[in-house]
Amino acid sequence: MAAATNEQGGMVLGGSNTQEQLGPRVEGTVYDNASGTFEVRRVVTDLAEARRILRRQSARFAVLIRDLHAGTEHYTGAVWTGSDRVLKAVA
């Protein structure tokens, strides 16, 4: 299987499986990357709902995240990459 990259050019961990692309992001998880530090508020895996939220027909999921520095919330469809790291895991 060829390596995939995300929109920022980072290498994607895992394959095309939605769960692999989500990585460890579940509600309550806190993670950071080059863009900031985020708390996962909601994970949407229903294809129709994710595509509606992100307004992108290729969307496989949507993750509502809260930027912990700015205090703002927004949805992302970015896949989990090698540059993402979990700061607080949720059981």
Protein backbone atom coordinates (compact mmCIF):
# COMPACT_ATOMS: atom_id res chain seq x y z
CA MET A 1 0.00 0.00 0.00
CA ALA A 2 1.37 3.43 -0.91
CA ALA A 3 1.84 6.04 1.80
CA ALA A 4 -0.77 8.78 1.88
CA THR A 5 -0.38 12.39 2.93
CA ASN A 6 -2.78 14.83 4.53
CA GLU A 7 -3.64 18.36 3.37
CA GLN A 8 -0.59 19.77 5.18
CA GLY A 9 1.74 17.26 3.50
CA GLY A 10 2.20 15.12 6.64
CA MET A 11 2.38 11.36 6.36
CA VAL A 12 -0.83 9.57 7.27
CA LEU A 13 -0.61 6.73 9.77
CA GLY A 14 -2.64 3.69 8.90
CA GLY A 15 -4.62 3.12 5.74
CA SER A 16 -7.93 4.15 4.29
CA ASN A 17 -9.98 2.71 7.18
CA THR A 18 -11.98 5.44 8.91
CA GLN A 19 -10.95 4.31 12.40
CA GLU A 20 -7.29 4.36 11.40
CA GLN A 21 -7.71 7.87 9.98
CA LEU A 22 -9.39 9.06 13.19
CA GLY A 23 -6.55 7.68 15.27
CA PRO A 24 -7.08 7.94 19.04
CA ARG A 25 -9.51 10.87 18.75
CA VAL A 26 -12.59 10.17 20.85
CA GLU A 27 -14.69 12.64 22.83
CA GLY A 28 -12.57 14.20 25.57
CA THR A 29 -9.16 13.43 24.06
CA VAL A 30 -6.72 16.34 24.10
CA TYR A 31 -4.04 16.40 21.41
CA ASP A 32 -1.66 18.80 19.76
CA ASN A 33 0.11 19.31 16.47
CA ALA A 34 1.76 22.18 14.61
CA SER A 35 -1.61 23.97 14.39
CA GLY A 36 -2.31 24.06 18.14
CA THR A 37 -3.74 22.15 21.08
CA PHE A 38 -7.24 20.74 20.76
CA GLU A 39 -9.93 18.92 22.73
CA VAL A 40 -12.19 16.54 20.83
CA ARG A 41 -15.82 17.48 21.50
CA ARG A 42 -17.66 15.20 19.04
CA VAL A 43 -16.79 12.55 16.44
CA VAL A 44 -19.17 12.06 13.49
CA THR A 45 -18.66 8.86 11.46
CA ASP A 46 -21.98 8.83 9.61
CA LEU A 47 -20.94 9.53 5.99
CA ALA A 48 -23.94 11.66 5.07
CA GLU A 49 -23.68 13.77 8.23
CA ALA A 50 -19.88 14.20 7.93
CA ARG A 51 -20.24 15.25 4.28
CA ARG A 52 -22.98 17.72 5.20
CA ILE A 53 -20.98 19.22 8.07
CA LEU A 54 -17.74 19.59 6.11
CA ARG A 55 -19.48 20.37 2.78
CA ARG A 56 -17.17 17.89 1.07
CA GLN A 57 -18.37 14.76 -0.74
CA SER A 58 -15.12 12.94 0.00
CA ALA A 59 -15.48 13.31 3.80
CA ARG A 60 -15.43 10.04 5.73
CA PHE A 61 -15.76 11.61 9.19
CA ALA A 62 -15.91 14.98 10.94
CA VAL A 63 -14.35 15.83 14.29
CA LEU A 64 -15.57 18.80 16.33
CA ILE A 65 -12.55 20.21 18.13
CA ARG A 66 -12.06 23.08 20.56
CA ASP A 67 -8.86 25.09 20.23
CA LEU A 68 -7.69 25.27 23.84
CA HIS A 69 -5.74 28.50 23.30
CA ALA A 70 -8.35 30.46 21.32
CA GLY A 71 -11.41 28.85 22.91
CA THR A 72 -13.05 28.41 19.49
CA GLU A 73 -14.69 25.29 18.09
CA HIS A 74 -14.70 24.01 14.53
CA TYR A 75 -15.03 20.77 12.61
CA THR A 76 -12.09 19.12 10.89
CA GLY A 77 -11.78 16.20 8.52
CA ALA A 78 -7.99 15.97 8.87
CA VAL A 79 -6.59 12.49 9.35
CA TRP A 80 -4.36 11.49 12.26
CA THR A 81 -0.69 11.87 11.30
CA GLY A 82 2.76 11.28 12.73
CA SER A 83 2.92 14.93 13.83
CA ASP A 84 -0.20 14.61 16.05
CA ARG A 85 0.32 13.56 19.67
CA VAL A 86 -2.10 12.75 22.47
CA LEU A 87 -1.72 14.86 25.62
CA LYS A 88 -4.72 13.43 27.50
CA ALA A 89 -6.30 10.11 26.63
CA VAL A 90 -9.81 9.12 27.65
CA ALA A 91 -10.70 5.57 28.66
